[in-house]
mmCIF file of all heavy atoms, coordinates in Angstrom:
data_MODEL
# 
_entry.id   MODEL 
# 
loop_
_atom_site.group_PDB 
_atom_site.id 
_atom_site.type_symbol 
_atom_site.label_atom_id 
_atom_site.label_alt_id 
_atom_site.label_comp_id 
_atom_site.label_asym_id 
_atom_site.label_entity_id 
_atom_site.label_seq_id 
_atom_site.pdbx_PDB_ins_code 
_atom_site.Cartn_x 
_atom_site.Cartn_y 
_atom_site.Cartn_z 
_atom_site.occupancy 
_atom_site.B_iso_or_equiv 
_atom_site.pdbx_formal_charge 
_atom_site.auth_seq_id 
_atom_site.auth_comp_id 
_atom_site.auth_asym_id 
_atom_site.auth_atom_id 
_atom_site.pdbx_PDB_model_num 
ATOM 1   N N   . ASN A 1 1  ? 66.608 119.895 199.819 1.00 0.00 ? 1  ASN A N   1 
ATOM 2   C CA  . ASN A 1 1  ? 65.702 120.630 200.717 1.00 0.00 ? 1  ASN A CA  1 
ATOM 3   C C   . ASN A 1 1  ? 66.201 122.081 201.044 1.00 0.00 ? 1  ASN A C   1 
ATOM 4   O O   . ASN A 1 1  ? 65.412 122.962 201.110 1.00 0.00 ? 1  ASN A O   1 
ATOM 5   C CB  . ASN A 1 1  ? 65.649 119.757 202.087 1.00 0.00 ? 1  ASN A CB  1 
ATOM 6   C CG  . ASN A 1 1  ? 64.871 118.584 201.898 1.00 0.00 ? 1  ASN A CG  1 
ATOM 7   O OD1 . ASN A 1 1  ? 64.093 118.373 200.906 1.00 0.00 ? 1  ASN A OD1 1 
ATOM 8   N ND2 . ASN A 1 1  ? 65.097 117.576 202.704 1.00 0.00 ? 1  ASN A ND2 1 
ATOM 9   N N   . LEU A 1 2  ? 67.548 122.147 201.149 1.00 0.00 ? 2  LEU A N   1 
ATOM 10  C CA  . LEU A 1 2  ? 67.993 123.487 201.411 1.00 0.00 ? 2  LEU A CA  1 
ATOM 11  C C   . LEU A 1 2  ? 67.796 124.432 200.226 1.00 0.00 ? 2  LEU A C   1 
ATOM 12  O O   . LEU A 1 2  ? 67.341 125.595 200.357 1.00 0.00 ? 2  LEU A O   1 
ATOM 13  C CB  . LEU A 1 2  ? 69.503 123.513 201.744 1.00 0.00 ? 2  LEU A CB  1 
ATOM 14  C CG  . LEU A 1 2  ? 69.863 122.951 203.097 1.00 0.00 ? 2  LEU A CG  1 
ATOM 15  C CD1 . LEU A 1 2  ? 71.430 122.889 203.183 1.00 0.00 ? 2  LEU A CD1 1 
ATOM 16  C CD2 . LEU A 1 2  ? 69.363 123.900 204.223 1.00 0.00 ? 2  LEU A CD2 1 
ATOM 17  N N   . ALA A 1 3  ? 67.926 123.965 199.003 1.00 0.00 ? 3  ALA A N   1 
ATOM 18  C CA  . ALA A 1 3  ? 67.695 124.630 197.771 1.00 0.00 ? 3  ALA A CA  1 
ATOM 19  C C   . ALA A 1 3  ? 66.325 125.185 197.700 1.00 0.00 ? 3  ALA A C   1 
ATOM 20  O O   . ALA A 1 3  ? 65.985 126.303 197.354 1.00 0.00 ? 3  ALA A O   1 
ATOM 21  C CB  . ALA A 1 3  ? 68.202 123.883 196.610 1.00 0.00 ? 3  ALA A CB  1 
ATOM 22  N N   . ALA A 1 4  ? 65.325 124.200 198.020 1.00 0.00 ? 4  ALA A N   1 
ATOM 23  C CA  . ALA A 1 4  ? 63.949 124.502 197.943 1.00 0.00 ? 4  ALA A CA  1 
ATOM 24  C C   . ALA A 1 4  ? 63.574 125.588 198.968 1.00 0.00 ? 4  ALA A C   1 
ATOM 25  O O   . ALA A 1 4  ? 62.785 126.434 198.711 1.00 0.00 ? 4  ALA A O   1 
ATOM 26  C CB  . ALA A 1 4  ? 63.161 123.277 198.181 1.00 0.00 ? 4  ALA A CB  1 
ATOM 27  N N   . ALA A 1 5  ? 64.143 125.392 200.132 1.00 0.00 ? 5  ALA A N   1 
ATOM 28  C CA  . ALA A 1 5  ? 63.911 126.366 201.275 1.00 0.00 ? 5  ALA A CA  1 
ATOM 29  C C   . ALA A 1 5  ? 64.441 127.819 200.744 1.00 0.00 ? 5  ALA A C   1 
ATOM 30  O O   . ALA A 1 5  ? 63.716 128.844 201.031 1.00 0.00 ? 5  ALA A O   1 
ATOM 31  C CB  . ALA A 1 5  ? 64.541 126.003 202.488 1.00 0.00 ? 5  ALA A CB  1 
ATOM 32  N N   . ALA A 1 6  ? 65.648 127.858 200.185 1.00 0.00 ? 6  ALA A N   1 
ATOM 33  C CA  . ALA A 1 6  ? 66.124 129.113 199.725 1.00 0.00 ? 6  ALA A CA  1 
ATOM 34  C C   . ALA A 1 6  ? 65.359 129.732 198.620 1.00 0.00 ? 6  ALA A C   1 
ATOM 35  O O   . ALA A 1 6  ? 65.147 130.860 198.679 1.00 0.00 ? 6  ALA A O   1 
ATOM 36  C CB  . ALA A 1 6  ? 67.614 128.864 199.235 1.00 0.00 ? 6  ALA A CB  1 
ATOM 37  N N   . LEU A 1 7  ? 64.816 128.915 197.734 1.00 0.00 ? 7  LEU A N   1 
ATOM 38  C CA  . LEU A 1 7  ? 63.982 129.386 196.681 1.00 0.00 ? 7  LEU A CA  1 
ATOM 39  C C   . LEU A 1 7  ? 62.700 129.952 197.234 1.00 0.00 ? 7  LEU A C   1 
ATOM 40  O O   . LEU A 1 7  ? 62.263 131.104 196.768 1.00 0.00 ? 7  LEU A O   1 
ATOM 41  C CB  . LEU A 1 7  ? 63.668 128.382 195.604 1.00 0.00 ? 7  LEU A CB  1 
ATOM 42  C CG  . LEU A 1 7  ? 62.803 128.752 194.488 1.00 0.00 ? 7  LEU A CG  1 
ATOM 43  C CD1 . LEU A 1 7  ? 63.405 129.844 193.671 1.00 0.00 ? 7  LEU A CD1 1 
ATOM 44  C CD2 . LEU A 1 7  ? 62.436 127.487 193.673 1.00 0.00 ? 7  LEU A CD2 1 
ATOM 45  N N   . ALA A 1 8  ? 62.060 129.404 198.192 1.00 0.00 ? 8  ALA A N   1 
ATOM 46  C CA  . ALA A 1 8  ? 60.830 129.806 198.786 1.00 0.00 ? 8  ALA A CA  1 
ATOM 47  C C   . ALA A 1 8  ? 61.057 131.091 199.474 1.00 0.00 ? 8  ALA A C   1 
ATOM 48  O O   . ALA A 1 8  ? 60.240 132.109 199.388 1.00 0.00 ? 8  ALA A O   1 
ATOM 49  C CB  . ALA A 1 8  ? 60.350 128.804 199.730 1.00 0.00 ? 8  ALA A CB  1 
ATOM 50  N N   . LEU A 1 9  ? 62.221 131.205 200.122 1.00 0.00 ? 9  LEU A N   1 
ATOM 51  C CA  . LEU A 1 9  ? 62.495 132.476 200.930 1.00 0.00 ? 9  LEU A CA  1 
ATOM 52  C C   . LEU A 1 9  ? 62.655 133.581 199.926 1.00 0.00 ? 9  LEU A C   1 
ATOM 53  O O   . LEU A 1 9  ? 62.294 134.777 200.135 1.00 0.00 ? 9  LEU A O   1 
ATOM 54  C CB  . LEU A 1 9  ? 63.774 132.272 201.752 1.00 0.00 ? 9  LEU A CB  1 
ATOM 55  C CG  . LEU A 1 9  ? 64.233 133.466 202.614 1.00 0.00 ? 9  LEU A CG  1 
ATOM 56  C CD1 . LEU A 1 9  ? 63.153 133.956 203.507 1.00 0.00 ? 9  LEU A CD1 1 
ATOM 57  C CD2 . LEU A 1 9  ? 65.494 133.183 203.303 1.00 0.00 ? 9  LEU A CD2 1 
ATOM 58  N N   . ALA A 1 10 ? 63.480 133.369 198.831 1.00 0.00 ? 10 ALA A N   1 
ATOM 59  C CA  . ALA A 1 10 ? 63.610 134.391 197.767 1.00 0.00 ? 10 ALA A CA  1 
ATOM 60  C C   . ALA A 1 10 ? 62.348 134.849 197.177 1.00 0.00 ? 10 ALA A C   1 
ATOM 61  O O   . ALA A 1 10 ? 62.145 136.065 197.019 1.00 0.00 ? 10 ALA A O   1 
ATOM 62  C CB  . ALA A 1 10 ? 64.577 133.835 196.725 1.00 0.00 ? 10 ALA A CB  1 
ATOM 63  N N   . ILE A 1 11 ? 61.458 133.879 196.928 1.00 0.00 ? 11 ILE A N   1 
ATOM 64  C CA  . ILE A 1 11 ? 60.187 134.268 196.343 1.00 0.00 ? 11 ILE A CA  1 
ATOM 65  C C   . ILE A 1 11 ? 59.351 135.108 197.399 1.00 0.00 ? 11 ILE A C   1 
ATOM 66  O O   . ILE A 1 11 ? 58.841 136.230 196.946 1.00 0.00 ? 11 ILE A O   1 
ATOM 67  C CB  . ILE A 1 11 ? 59.398 133.085 195.937 1.00 0.00 ? 11 ILE A CB  1 
ATOM 68  C CG1 . ILE A 1 11 ? 60.083 132.445 194.779 1.00 0.00 ? 11 ILE A CG1 1 
ATOM 69  C CG2 . ILE A 1 11 ? 57.927 133.414 195.503 1.00 0.00 ? 11 ILE A CG2 1 
ATOM 70  C CD1 . ILE A 1 11 ? 59.394 131.095 194.347 1.00 0.00 ? 11 ILE A CD1 1 
ATOM 71  N N   . ALA A 1 12 ? 59.285 134.730 198.587 1.00 0.00 ? 12 ALA A N   1 
ATOM 72  C CA  . ALA A 1 12 ? 58.713 135.504 199.611 1.00 0.00 ? 12 ALA A CA  1 
ATOM 73  C C   . ALA A 1 12 ? 59.189 136.902 199.754 1.00 0.00 ? 12 ALA A C   1 
ATOM 74  O O   . ALA A 1 12 ? 58.525 137.936 199.871 1.00 0.00 ? 12 ALA A O   1 
ATOM 75  C CB  . ALA A 1 12 ? 58.647 134.713 200.928 1.00 0.00 ? 12 ALA A CB  1 
ATOM 76  N N   . GLY A 1 13 ? 60.506 136.931 199.752 1.00 0.00 ? 13 GLY A N   1 
ATOM 77  C CA  . GLY A 1 13 ? 61.271 138.304 199.955 1.00 0.00 ? 13 GLY A CA  1 
ATOM 78  C C   . GLY A 1 13 ? 60.865 139.145 198.784 1.00 0.00 ? 13 GLY A C   1 
ATOM 79  O O   . GLY A 1 13 ? 60.591 140.302 198.977 1.00 0.00 ? 13 GLY A O   1 
ATOM 80  N N   . SER A 1 14 ? 60.891 138.601 197.572 1.00 0.00 ? 14 SER A N   1 
ATOM 81  C CA  . SER A 1 14 ? 60.636 139.447 196.373 1.00 0.00 ? 14 SER A CA  1 
ATOM 82  C C   . SER A 1 14 ? 59.200 139.945 196.417 1.00 0.00 ? 14 SER A C   1 
ATOM 83  O O   . SER A 1 14 ? 58.899 141.083 196.034 1.00 0.00 ? 14 SER A O   1 
ATOM 84  C CB  . SER A 1 14 ? 60.883 138.591 195.192 1.00 0.00 ? 14 SER A CB  1 
ATOM 85  O OG  . SER A 1 14 ? 62.265 138.235 195.015 1.00 0.00 ? 14 SER A OG  1 
ATOM 86  N N   . ALA A 1 15 ? 58.273 139.146 196.998 1.00 0.00 ? 15 ALA A N   1 
ATOM 87  C CA  . ALA A 1 15 ? 56.841 139.569 196.944 1.00 0.00 ? 15 ALA A CA  1 
ATOM 88  C C   . ALA A 1 15 ? 56.673 140.811 197.885 1.00 0.00 ? 15 ALA A C   1 
ATOM 89  O O   . ALA A 1 15 ? 55.877 141.587 197.642 1.00 0.00 ? 15 ALA A O   1 
ATOM 90  C CB  . ALA A 1 15 ? 56.023 138.388 197.341 1.00 0.00 ? 15 ALA A CB  1 
ATOM 91  N N   . THR A 1 16 ? 57.378 140.731 198.990 1.00 0.00 ? 16 THR A N   1 
ATOM 92  C CA  . THR A 1 16 ? 57.195 141.757 200.075 1.00 0.00 ? 16 THR A CA  1 
ATOM 93  C C   . THR A 1 16 ? 58.150 142.984 199.804 1.00 0.00 ? 16 THR A C   1 
ATOM 94  O O   . THR A 1 16 ? 57.937 143.944 200.333 1.00 0.00 ? 16 THR A O   1 
ATOM 95  C CB  . THR A 1 16 ? 57.396 141.262 201.414 1.00 0.00 ? 16 THR A CB  1 
ATOM 96  O OG1 . THR A 1 16 ? 58.672 140.834 201.541 1.00 0.00 ? 16 THR A OG1 1 
ATOM 97  C CG2 . THR A 1 16 ? 56.368 140.071 201.733 1.00 0.00 ? 16 THR A CG2 1 
ATOM 98  N N   . GLY A 1 17 ? 59.091 142.823 198.996 1.00 0.00 ? 17 GLY A N   1 
ATOM 99  C CA  . GLY A 1 17 ? 60.054 143.895 198.832 1.00 0.00 ? 17 GLY A CA  1 
ATOM 100 C C   . GLY A 1 17 ? 61.019 143.993 199.976 1.00 0.00 ? 17 GLY A C   1 
ATOM 101 O O   . GLY A 1 17 ? 61.610 144.972 200.170 1.00 0.00 ? 17 GLY A O   1 
ATOM 102 N N   . SER A 1 18 ? 61.231 142.960 200.769 1.00 0.00 ? 18 SER A N   1 
ATOM 103 C CA  . SER A 1 18 ? 61.974 143.048 201.927 1.00 0.00 ? 18 SER A CA  1 
ATOM 104 C C   . SER A 1 18 ? 63.079 142.102 202.074 1.00 0.00 ? 18 SER A C   1 
ATOM 105 O O   . SER A 1 18 ? 63.549 141.813 203.190 1.00 0.00 ? 18 SER A O   1 
ATOM 106 C CB  . SER A 1 18 ? 61.097 142.899 203.286 1.00 0.00 ? 18 SER A CB  1 
ATOM 107 O OG  . SER A 1 18 ? 60.434 141.620 203.149 1.00 0.00 ? 18 SER A OG  1 
ATOM 108 N N   . PHE A 1 19 ? 63.572 141.593 201.014 1.00 0.00 ? 19 PHE A N   1 
ATOM 109 C CA  . PHE A 1 19 ? 64.551 140.523 201.002 1.00 0.00 ? 19 PHE A CA  1 
ATOM 110 C C   . PHE A 1 19 ? 65.970 141.189 200.882 1.00 0.00 ? 19 PHE A C   1 
ATOM 111 O O   . PHE A 1 19 ? 66.331 141.699 199.926 1.00 0.00 ? 19 PHE A O   1 
ATOM 112 C CB  . PHE A 1 19 ? 64.396 139.569 199.793 1.00 0.00 ? 19 PHE A CB  1 
ATOM 113 C CG  . PHE A 1 19 ? 65.325 138.458 199.691 1.00 0.00 ? 19 PHE A CG  1 
ATOM 114 C CD1 . PHE A 1 19 ? 65.385 137.448 200.696 1.00 0.00 ? 19 PHE A CD1 1 
ATOM 115 C CD2 . PHE A 1 19 ? 66.254 138.377 198.738 1.00 0.00 ? 19 PHE A CD2 1 
ATOM 116 C CE1 . PHE A 1 19 ? 66.194 136.350 200.650 1.00 0.00 ? 19 PHE A CE1 1 
ATOM 117 C CE2 . PHE A 1 19 ? 67.085 137.376 198.682 1.00 0.00 ? 19 PHE A CE2 1 
ATOM 118 C CZ  . PHE A 1 19 ? 67.137 136.342 199.693 1.00 0.00 ? 19 PHE A CZ  1 
ATOM 119 N N   . ALA A 1 20 ? 66.854 141.082 201.954 1.00 0.00 ? 20 ALA A N   1 
ATOM 120 C CA  . ALA A 1 20 ? 68.142 141.410 201.992 1.00 0.00 ? 20 ALA A CA  1 
ATOM 121 C C   . ALA A 1 20 ? 68.458 142.892 201.568 1.00 0.00 ? 20 ALA A C   1 
ATOM 122 O O   . ALA A 1 20 ? 69.410 143.125 200.833 1.00 0.00 ? 20 ALA A O   1 
ATOM 123 C CB  . ALA A 1 20 ? 68.934 140.460 201.047 1.00 0.00 ? 20 ALA A CB  1 
ATOM 124 N N   . GLU A 1 21 ? 67.717 143.766 201.993 1.00 0.00 ? 21 GLU A N   1 
ATOM 125 C CA  . GLU A 1 21 ? 67.880 145.179 201.704 1.00 0.00 ? 21 GLU A CA  1 
ATOM 126 C C   . GLU A 1 21 ? 69.069 145.697 202.623 1.00 0.00 ? 21 GLU A C   1 
ATOM 127 O O   . GLU A 1 21 ? 69.345 145.098 203.642 1.00 0.00 ? 21 GLU A O   1 
ATOM 128 C CB  . GLU A 1 21 ? 66.735 146.136 202.007 1.00 0.00 ? 21 GLU A CB  1 
ATOM 129 C CG  . GLU A 1 21 ? 65.660 145.856 201.065 1.00 0.00 ? 21 GLU A CG  1 
ATOM 130 C CD  . GLU A 1 21 ? 64.573 144.872 201.453 1.00 0.00 ? 21 GLU A CD  1 
ATOM 131 O OE1 . GLU A 1 21 ? 64.862 144.164 202.482 1.00 0.00 ? 21 GLU A OE1 1 
ATOM 132 O OE2 . GLU A 1 21 ? 63.585 144.799 200.760 1.00 0.00 ? 21 GLU A OE2 1 
ATOM 133 N N   . THR A 1 22 ? 69.736 146.610 202.116 1.00 0.00 ? 22 THR A N   1 
ATOM 134 C CA  . THR A 1 22 ? 70.856 147.420 202.909 1.00 0.00 ? 22 THR A CA  1 
ATOM 135 C C   . THR A 1 22 ? 70.344 148.823 203.098 1.00 0.00 ? 22 THR A C   1 
ATOM 136 O O   . THR A 1 22 ? 70.246 149.590 202.171 1.00 0.00 ? 22 THR A O   1 
ATOM 137 C CB  . THR A 1 22 ? 72.154 147.330 202.305 1.00 0.00 ? 22 THR A CB  1 
ATOM 138 O OG1 . THR A 1 22 ? 72.676 145.957 202.062 1.00 0.00 ? 22 THR A OG1 1 
ATOM 139 C CG2 . THR A 1 22 ? 73.198 148.125 203.056 1.00 0.00 ? 22 THR A CG2 1 
ATOM 140 N N   . VAL A 1 23 ? 70.083 149.236 204.388 1.00 0.00 ? 23 VAL A N   1 
ATOM 141 C CA  . VAL A 1 23 ? 69.642 150.610 204.651 1.00 0.00 ? 23 VAL A CA  1 
ATOM 142 C C   . VAL A 1 23 ? 70.959 151.469 204.965 1.00 0.00 ? 23 VAL A C   1 
ATOM 143 O O   . VAL A 1 23 ? 71.687 151.018 205.913 1.00 0.00 ? 23 VAL A O   1 
ATOM 144 C CB  . VAL A 1 23 ? 68.666 150.595 205.828 1.00 0.00 ? 23 VAL A CB  1 
ATOM 145 C CG1 . VAL A 1 23 ? 68.211 151.955 206.060 1.00 0.00 ? 23 VAL A CG1 1 
ATOM 146 C CG2 . VAL A 1 23 ? 67.399 149.803 205.384 1.00 0.00 ? 23 VAL A CG2 1 
ATOM 147 N N   . VAL A 1 24 ? 70.992 152.612 204.389 1.00 0.00 ? 24 VAL A N   1 
ATOM 148 C CA  . VAL A 1 24 ? 72.160 153.483 204.521 1.00 0.00 ? 24 VAL A CA  1 
ATOM 149 C C   . VAL A 1 24 ? 71.648 154.842 205.063 1.00 0.00 ? 24 VAL A C   1 
ATOM 150 O O   . VAL A 1 24 ? 70.841 155.575 204.289 1.00 0.00 ? 24 VAL A O   1 
ATOM 151 C CB  . VAL A 1 24 ? 72.943 153.739 203.200 1.00 0.00 ? 24 VAL A CB  1 
ATOM 152 C CG1 . VAL A 1 24 ? 74.150 154.676 203.467 1.00 0.00 ? 24 VAL A CG1 1 
ATOM 153 C CG2 . VAL A 1 24 ? 73.422 152.388 202.650 1.00 0.00 ? 24 VAL A CG2 1 
ATOM 154 N N   . ASN A 1 25 ? 72.065 155.182 206.186 1.00 0.00 ? 25 ASN A N   1 
ATOM 155 C CA  . ASN A 1 25 ? 71.689 156.416 206.806 1.00 0.00 ? 25 ASN A CA  1 
ATOM 156 C C   . ASN A 1 25 ? 72.936 157.308 207.218 1.00 0.00 ? 25 ASN A C   1 
ATOM 157 O O   . ASN A 1 25 ? 72.695 158.433 207.792 1.00 0.00 ? 25 ASN A O   1 
ATOM 158 C CB  . ASN A 1 25 ? 70.860 156.301 208.019 1.00 0.00 ? 25 ASN A CB  1 
ATOM 159 C CG  . ASN A 1 25 ? 69.424 155.806 207.668 1.00 0.00 ? 25 ASN A CG  1 
ATOM 160 O OD1 . ASN A 1 25 ? 68.742 156.374 206.922 1.00 0.00 ? 25 ASN A OD1 1 
ATOM 161 N ND2 . ASN A 1 25 ? 69.009 154.702 208.244 1.00 0.00 ? 25 ASN A ND2 1 
ATOM 162 N N   . ALA A 1 26 ? 74.158 156.892 206.963 1.00 0.00 ? 26 ALA A N   1 
ATOM 163 C CA  . ALA A 1 26 ? 75.306 157.672 207.364 1.00 0.00 ? 26 ALA A CA  1 
ATOM 164 C C   . ALA A 1 26 ? 76.282 157.864 206.151 1.00 0.00 ? 26 ALA A C   1 
ATOM 165 O O   . ALA A 1 26 ? 76.208 157.163 205.165 1.00 0.00 ? 26 ALA A O   1 
ATOM 166 C CB  . ALA A 1 26 ? 76.061 156.842 208.409 1.00 0.00 ? 26 ALA A CB  1 
ATOM 167 N N   . ASP A 1 27 ? 76.916 158.900 206.259 1.00 0.00 ? 27 ASP A N   1 
ATOM 168 C CA  . ASP A 1 27 ? 77.889 159.344 205.112 1.00 0.00 ? 27 ASP A CA  1 
ATOM 169 C C   . ASP A 1 27 ? 78.925 158.237 204.897 1.00 0.00 ? 27 ASP A C   1 
ATOM 170 O O   . ASP A 1 27 ? 79.288 157.491 205.810 1.00 0.00 ? 27 ASP A O   1 
ATOM 171 C CB  . ASP A 1 27 ? 78.641 160.610 205.485 1.00 0.00 ? 27 ASP A CB  1 
ATOM 172 C CG  . ASP A 1 27 ? 77.635 161.888 205.472 1.00 0.00 ? 27 ASP A CG  1 
ATOM 173 O OD1 . ASP A 1 27 ? 76.564 161.763 204.887 1.00 0.00 ? 27 ASP A OD1 1 
ATOM 174 O OD2 . ASP A 1 27 ? 78.062 162.934 206.062 1.00 0.00 ? 27 ASP A OD2 1 
# 
């Protein structure tokens, strides 16, 4: 069940372009 949930989250994140980004604004 955890694996299925993780896969669903990854697919959703990939579709929106918002999965686990790192934003860098400082030197």
